[in-house]
Amino acid sequence: MKNFEGKIAFITGGASGAGLGQAKLFSKAGMKVVITDIRKTALDKAVPEILAYSCADASSVLPLEFDLTDREAYCQAADKCEEVFGGPPHLLIQTAGVNSFGPAEASTFEDYDWVMGVCLNAVVNGLVIFVPRMIKAYAGKTDCHIAMTSSWGGWSGEAITAPYSAAKAAVNNLAESYHTALKPYGIGVTALCPMAINSEIYNAEKYRPEKFSKSGYYWTDEIADLMRQHCENGMDPVELAEHLKRGIEADQVYVVPYDNAYELISRIQERQRNLASPEGMAKEAAAETYMELLNIGAPDTALMREKGPALGFGKAGKDNGWVDESHRL
């Protein structure tokens, strides 16, 4: 997809962080933009920011407040997009996400249901709801695209992000599947795989629904503040959106927004090969982490490594008696 002027973008999580950066950039590129969020206050704040950045007309930005895991509400949002802008999106960007940190063995059903519900099930909802609409409206007529904001965390399993890493790995896999499936219709598909972003994901626990409140992970306001500092060191959302736009224009399946992307992916693939043999397992046991080998640690993870342990970041609560003492308070 190379022509954006006058077309429609539908961006989940578009009221903050990476999604807001995408909304700003594609609005400036001349698109009519739908932004969605579960928080009305965030939507109210985001709209004037988008308009100030893009100098677009107020009628070109449509904020929609709903829960992406609610399929009926999602269908209604899709209908609203068509009602206001005259059709389904030419560019669907699924960016909304949440994360939580704690030992895999301490995870509860609620930890999985919440994180995977937003990071994976909501993506599935968007695909099932919008793909038929996009095919019917645009196949053979104009180019269009689907993007999913995945994560570097989707490339490997991490001990303290099991639900999140699993969800993002599935998103990467979906991107490949749909990229192949939708090619005959002229619809491209891309997964965006960043590391830290200057976003408000550190506040995700604040908005965890009550029905998912039972967590096996230790979390405090102090940890949230440390996460805030960590996120502030991350990539600027508009810069990230620029990487995504170039990837969409090139019809890339994966966008890893770093100059040494090839080296990063090569190290991941080497690790995966090593984990498939006894000899390779021995190599990995003796190696530094792949992040340290590639000098990506600072400022991305240095702060968390330095101050996180003292605050209990990534630990289980004291009541999780089956969890090894090194993994809990």
Protein backbone atom coordinates (compact mmCIF):
# COMPACT_ATOMS: atom_id res chain seq x y z
CA MET A 1 0.00 0.00 0.00
CA LYS A 2 1.55 3.27 -1.12
CA ASN A 3 -1.34 5.70 -1.52
CA PHE A 4 -2.87 6.93 1.75
CA GLU A 5 -4.51 10.21 0.76
CA GLY A 6 -8.28 10.22 1.32
CA LYS A 7 -8.38 6.63 2.55
CA ILE A 8 -9.64 5.31 5.89
CA ALA A 9 -7.51 4.08 8.80
CA PHE A 10 -8.93 2.22 11.82
CA ILE A 11 -6.44 2.15 14.72
CA THR A 12 -7.09 0.22 17.94
CA GLY A 13 -5.39 1.67 21.00
CA GLY A 14 -5.18 4.88 19.01
CA ALA A 15 -5.60 7.23 21.96
CA SER A 16 -2.13 6.79 23.44
CA GLY A 17 1.37 5.43 22.90
CA ALA A 18 2.17 3.65 19.64
CA GLY A 19 -1.44 3.88 18.43
CA LEU A 20 -1.54 7.65 18.93
CA GLY A 21 1.72 8.00 17.03
CA GLN A 22 0.21 6.01 14.17
CA ALA A 23 -2.95 8.14 14.24
CA LYS A 24 -0.90 11.33 14.03
CA LEU A 25 1.27 10.11 11.16
CA PHE A 26 -1.49 8.63 9.01
CA SER A 27 -3.77 11.60 9.64
CA LYS A 28 -0.94 13.82 8.39
CA ALA A 29 -0.66 11.52 5.37
CA GLY A 30 -4.22 12.53 4.47
CA MET A 31 -6.21 9.62 5.89
CA LYS A 32 -9.53 9.70 7.69
CA VAL A 33 -8.73 8.12 11.04
CA VAL A 34 -10.80 6.10 13.48
CA ILE A 35 -9.16 5.74 16.90
CA THR A 36 -10.46 3.34 19.52
CA ASP A 37 -9.82 3.00 23.23
CA ILE A 38 -11.59 1.69 26.30
CA ARG A 39 -10.91 5.03 28.06
CA LYS A 40 -13.04 8.04 27.08
CA THR A 41 -10.67 10.46 28.82
CA ALA A 42 -7.79 9.21 26.66
CA LEU A 43 -9.86 9.61 23.49
CA ASP A 44 -10.90 13.14 24.46
CA LYS A 45 -7.24 14.07 24.95
CA ALA A 46 -5.99 12.33 21.81
CA VAL A 47 -8.23 13.95 19.20
CA PRO A 48 -6.88 17.52 19.58
CA GLU A 49 -3.32 16.14 19.67
CA ILE A 50 -3.88 14.37 16.34
CA LEU A 51 -5.44 17.45 14.75
CA ALA A 52 -2.67 19.72 16.02
CA TYR A 53 -0.01 17.41 14.56
CA SER A 54 -1.67 16.76 11.21
CA CYS A 55 -3.52 20.06 10.67
CA ALA A 56 -6.43 17.94 9.46
CA ASP A 57 -10.09 18.85 9.62
CA ALA A 58 -11.87 17.77 12.82
CA SER A 59 -14.35 15.74 10.78
CA SER A 60 -11.53 13.42 9.65
CA VAL A 61 -10.94 11.90 13.11
CA LEU A 62 -13.54 9.62 14.71
CA PRO A 63 -13.00 8.48 18.33
CA LEU A 64 -14.80 5.31 19.42
CA GLU A 65 -14.95 4.08 22.99
CA PHE A 66 -15.44 0.32 23.38
CA ASP A 67 -13.88 -2.91 24.62
CA LEU A 68 -12.09 -4.76 21.81
CA THR A 69 -12.83 -8.12 23.44
CA ASP A 70 -16.58 -7.42 23.13
CA ARG A 71 -17.38 -8.74 19.66
CA GLU A 72 -20.81 -7.13 19.45
CA ALA A 73 -19.36 -3.74 20.37
CA TYR A 74 -16.55 -4.27 17.85
CA CYS A 75 -19.07 -5.00 15.08
CA GLN A 76 -20.97 -1.85 16.01
CA ALA A 77 -17.71 0.13 15.80
CA ALA A 78 -17.08 -1.32 12.33
CA ASP A 79 -20.58 -0.27 11.30
CA LYS A 80 -19.95 3.23 12.68
CA CYS A 81 -16.76 3.53 10.63
CA GLU A 82 -18.69 2.70 7.48
CA GLU A 83 -21.54 5.01 8.40
CA VAL A 84 -19.30 8.03 9.05
CA PHE A 85 -16.55 7.54 6.45
CA GLY A 86 -18.42 5.58 3.78
CA GLY A 87 -16.67 2.23 3.99
CA PRO A 88 -14.48 -0.13 5.99
CA PRO A 89 -10.86 0.81 6.59
CA HIS A 90 -8.28 0.63 3.84
CA LEU A 91 -5.70 0.44 6.63
CA LEU A 92 -6.48 -1.56 9.77
CA ILE A 93 -3.87 -1.18 12.51
CA GLN A 94 -4.37 -3.29 15.62
CA THR A 95 -2.19 -1.75 18.31
CA ALA A 96 -4.06 -1.97 21.62
CA GLY A 97 -2.16 -4.05 24.16
CA VAL A 98 -1.54 -4.70 27.83
CA ASN A 99 1.24 -6.43 29.72
CA SER A 100 1.91 -7.78 33.18
CA PHE A 101 5.08 -9.20 34.69
CA GLY A 102 5.61 -12.20 36.93
CA PRO A 103 6.91 -15.76 37.01
CA ALA A 104 5.26 -18.04 34.47
CA GLU A 105 4.62 -20.64 37.18
CA ALA A 106 2.68 -18.08 39.25
CA SER A 107 0.33 -17.13 36.39
CA THR A 108 -3.41 -17.39 37.00
CA PHE A 109 -6.23 -17.98 34.54
CA GLU A 110 -7.02 -14.30 34.99
CA ASP A 111 -3.49 -13.24 34.01
CA TYR A 112 -3.81 -15.23 30.79
CA ASP A 113 -7.39 -14.23 30.06
CA TRP A 114 -6.67 -10.51 30.46
CA VAL A 115 -3.35 -10.25 28.62
CA MET A 116 -4.17 -12.71 25.84
CA GLY A 117 -7.69 -11.36 25.58
CA VAL A 118 -6.42 -7.90 24.61
CA CYS A 119 -3.17 -8.83 22.85
CA LEU A 120 -4.41 -11.83 20.84
CA ASN A 121 -8.17 -12.40 21.00
CA ALA A 122 -8.90 -8.75 20.18
CA VAL A 123 -6.62 -9.04 17.14
CA VAL A 124 -8.53 -12.12 16.03
CA ASN A 125 -11.77 -10.18 16.49
CA GLY A 126 -10.48 -7.41 14.25
CA LEU A 127 -9.42 -9.85 11.56
CA VAL A 128 -12.69 -11.79 11.55
CA ILE A 129 -14.79 -8.62 11.58
CA PHE A 130 -12.88 -6.53 9.06
CA VAL A 131 -11.25 -8.90 6.55
CA PRO A 132 -14.54 -9.88 4.83
CA ARG A 133 -15.60 -6.23 4.72
CA MET A 134 -12.29 -5.13 3.24
CA ILE A 135 -12.34 -7.87 0.61
CA LYS A 136 -15.91 -7.06 -0.45
CA ALA A 137 -15.24 -3.33 -0.62
CA TYR A 138 -11.73 -3.12 -2.06
CA ALA A 139 -10.44 -6.36 -3.64
CA GLY A 140 -9.38 -5.66 -7.22
CA LYS A 141 -10.20 -1.96 -6.82
CA THR A 142 -7.56 -0.39 -4.58
CA ASP A 143 -4.68 -1.44 -2.39
CA CYS A 144 -5.16 -1.76 1.35
CA HIS A 145 -3.31 -3.17 4.33
CA ILE A 146 -3.60 -4.73 7.78
CA ALA A 147 -0.94 -4.06 10.42
CA MET A 148 -0.63 -5.53 13.89
CA THR A 149 1.59 -4.01 16.56
CA SER A 150 3.33 -7.08 17.91
CA SER A 151 6.51 -6.91 20.00
CA TRP A 152 10.10 -8.00 20.15
CA GLY A 153 8.73 -10.19 22.96
CA GLY A 154 6.96 -12.29 20.35
CA TRP A 155 10.24 -13.73 19.06
CA SER A 156 11.10 -15.70 22.20
CA GLY A 157 9.60 -16.99 25.43
CA GLU A 158 10.50 -14.97 28.51
CA ALA A 159 10.18 -16.26 32.07
CA ILE A 160 8.29 -13.23 33.39
CA THR A 161 6.10 -12.41 30.35
CA ALA A 162 4.62 -15.78 29.42
CA PRO A 163 1.06 -14.63 28.51
CA TYR A 164 2.32 -11.56 26.64
CA SER A 165 5.09 -13.35 24.75
CA ALA A 166 2.72 -16.16 23.79
CA ALA A 167 0.13 -13.67 22.52
CA LYS A 168 2.67 -11.72 20.48
CA ALA A 169 4.19 -14.90 19.00
CA ALA A 170 0.70 -15.82 17.83
CA VAL A 171 0.23 -12.36 16.33
CA ASN A 172 3.46 -12.80 14.36
CA ASN A 173 2.21 -16.14 13.11
CA LEU A 174 -1.16 -14.65 12.14
CA ALA A 175 0.62 -11.93 10.17
CA GLU A 176 2.41 -14.55 8.06
CA SER A 177 -0.77 -16.59 7.57
CA TYR A 178 -2.88 -13.62 6.51
CA HIS A 179 -0.11 -12.10 4.39
CA THR A 180 -0.15 -15.22 2.23
CA ALA A 181 -3.93 -15.65 2.30
CA LEU A 182 -4.81 -12.06 1.41
CA LYS A 183 -2.26 -11.50 -1.34
CA PRO A 184 -4.76 -12.47 -4.12
CA TYR A 185 -7.09 -9.72 -2.86
CA GLY A 186 -4.42 -7.00 -2.91
CA ILE A 187 -4.36 -6.74 0.89
CA GLY A 188 -0.96 -6.63 2.57
CA VAL A 189 -0.27 -7.68 6.16
CA THR A 190 2.51 -6.54 8.49
CA ALA A 191 3.54 -7.23 12.09
CA LEU A 192 5.42 -4.41 13.82
CA CYS A 193 7.91 -5.75 16.39
CA PRO A 194 9.40 -2.99 18.58
CA MET A 195 11.15 -3.16 21.93
CA ALA A 196 10.41 -0.39 24.44
CA ILE A 197 8.07 2.39 23.29
CA ASN A 198 7.44 5.71 25.01
CA SER A 199 3.89 4.72 25.90
CA GLU A 200 1.56 4.38 28.86
CA ILE A 201 1.59 0.57 28.93
CA TYR A 202 3.09 0.88 32.43
CA ASN A 203 -0.40 1.94 33.53
CA ALA A 204 -2.07 -1.19 32.16
CA GLU A 205 -2.61 -2.75 35.59
CA LYS A 206 -4.54 0.36 36.61
CA TYR A 207 -7.17 -0.55 34.03
CA ARG A 208 -7.26 -4.32 34.56
CA PRO A 209 -10.95 -5.28 34.73
CA GLU A 210 -12.25 -6.46 38.07
CA LYS A 211 -13.15 -9.87 36.66
CA PHE A 212 -9.43 -10.41 35.96
CA SER A 213 -8.17 -8.99 39.25
CA LYS A 214 -6.88 -12.30 40.64
CA SER A 215 -3.23 -12.22 39.62
CA GLY A 216 -0.24 -14.32 40.60
CA TYR A 217 2.13 -11.40 40.06
CA TYR A 218 3.44 -8.83 42.52
CA TRP A 219 2.69 -5.26 41.48
CA THR A 220 2.91 -1.91 43.27
CA ASP A 221 2.75 1.78 42.44
CA GLU A 222 6.54 1.90 42.86
CA ILE A 223 6.98 -0.76 40.17
CA ALA A 224 4.58 1.13 37.91
CA ASP A 225 6.66 4.28 38.36
CA LEU A 226 9.85 2.40 37.50
CA MET A 227 8.11 1.06 34.39
CA ARG A 228 7.14 4.62 33.51
CA GLN A 229 10.81 5.65 33.59
CA HIS A 230 11.69 2.60 31.50
CA CYS A 231 9.04 3.42 28.89
CA GLU A 232 10.16 7.04 28.69
CA ASN A 233 13.50 5.75 27.39
CA GLY A 234 11.70 3.94 24.58
CA MET A 235 11.21 4.91 20.96
CA ASP A 236 9.03 7.90 20.18
CA PRO A 237 5.61 6.72 18.90
CA VAL A 238 5.68 8.87 15.76
CA GLU A 239 9.16 7.60 14.89
CA LEU A 240 7.85 4.06 15.34
CA ALA A 241 4.90 4.89 13.09
CA GLU A 242 7.32 6.11 10.40
CA HIS A 243 9.06 2.70 10.48
CA LEU A 244 5.65 1.03 10.14
CA LYS A 245 4.63 3.25 7.21
CA ARG A 246 7.81 2.36 5.32
CA GLY A 247 7.19 -1.33 6.04
CA ILE A 248 3.62 -1.06 4.76
CA GLU A 249 4.80 0.66 1.59
CA ALA A 250 7.33 -2.16 1.06
CA ASP A 251 4.74 -4.85 1.91
CA GLN A 252 6.99 -6.34 4.58
CA VAL A 253 5.60 -9.11 6.78
CA TYR A 254 7.78 -8.02 9.72
CA VAL A 255 9.02 -4.58 10.69
CA VAL A 256 11.78 -4.63 13.31
CA PRO A 257 12.45 -0.90 13.70
CA TYR A 258 16.20 -0.91 14.35
CA ASP A 259 19.25 -0.43 12.17
CA ASN A 260 20.60 -3.85 13.16
CA ALA A 261 17.30 -5.66 12.58
CA TYR A 262 18.90 -8.37 10.47
CA GLU A 263 21.47 -9.09 13.19
CA LEU A 264 18.79 -9.16 15.86
CA ILE A 265 16.63 -11.64 13.97
CA SER A 266 19.67 -13.74 13.06
CA ARG A 267 20.58 -14.09 16.74
CA ILE A 268 17.02 -15.14 17.58
CA GLN A 269 17.09 -17.75 14.83
CA GLU A 270 20.46 -19.00 16.03
CA ARG A 271 19.05 -19.36 19.54
CA GLN A 272 16.04 -21.29 18.26
CA ARG A 273 18.31 -23.64 16.32
CA ASN A 274 20.45 -24.12 19.42
CA LEU A 275 17.45 -25.00 21.55
CA ALA A 276 16.69 -27.86 19.14
CA SER A 277 19.81 -29.96 19.93
CA PRO A 278 21.83 -31.05 22.98
CA GLU A 279 24.94 -29.35 21.61
CA GLY A 280 23.03 -26.14 21.00
CA MET A 281 21.52 -26.21 24.48
CA ALA A 282 25.06 -26.32 25.89
CA LYS A 283 26.04 -23.32 23.78
CA GLU A 284 23.09 -21.29 25.01
CA ALA A 285 23.79 -22.21 28.63
CA ALA A 286 27.31 -20.80 28.27
CA ALA A 287 26.35 -17.70 26.26
CA GLU A 288 25.44 -14.24 27.37
CA THR A 289 21.85 -13.26 26.69
CA TYR A 290 21.21 -12.31 23.08
CA MET A 291 20.24 -8.79 24.19
CA GLU A 292 23.61 -8.25 25.85
CA LEU A 293 25.49 -9.74 22.91
CA LEU A 294 23.89 -7.22 20.60
CA ASN A 295 24.41 -4.25 22.96
CA ILE A 296 20.72 -3.43 23.04
CA GLY A 297 20.48 -3.48 26.85
CA ALA A 298 20.93 0.23 27.58
CA PRO A 299 18.75 2.19 27.86
CA ASP A 300 16.13 -0.42 26.99
CA THR A 301 16.57 -2.74 29.97
CA ALA A 302 19.39 -1.29 32.09
CA LEU A 303 17.06 0.59 34.44
CA MET A 304 14.86 -2.43 35.09
CA ARG A 305 17.87 -4.68 35.73
CA GLU A 306 19.36 -2.17 38.13
CA LYS A 307 16.34 -1.17 40.22
CA GLY A 308 13.67 -3.78 39.49
CA PRO A 309 14.82 -6.59 41.83
CA ALA A 310 14.74 -4.40 44.93
CA LEU A 311 11.14 -3.42 44.18
CA GLY A 312 10.00 -6.97 43.45
CA PHE A 313 9.56 -6.44 39.70
CA GLY A 314 8.78 -9.71 37.96
CA LYS A 315 8.19 -11.56 41.22
CA ALA A 316 5.24 -13.52 42.58
CA GLY A 317 3.47 -12.53 45.77
CA LYS A 318 4.36 -14.12 49.14
CA ASP A 319 1.21 -16.26 49.15
CA ASN A 320 2.38 -18.28 46.14
CA GLY A 321 4.06 -20.92 48.27
CA TRP A 322 4.83 -23.32 45.43
CA VAL A 323 6.95 -20.71 43.64
CA ASP A 324 10.71 -20.92 44.15
CA GLU A 325 11.94 -18.37 46.69
CA SER A 326 14.12 -16.67 44.09
CA HIS A 327 10.97 -15.95 42.08
CA ARG A 328 8.85 -14.47 44.86
CA LEU A 329 9.08 -11.92 47.62
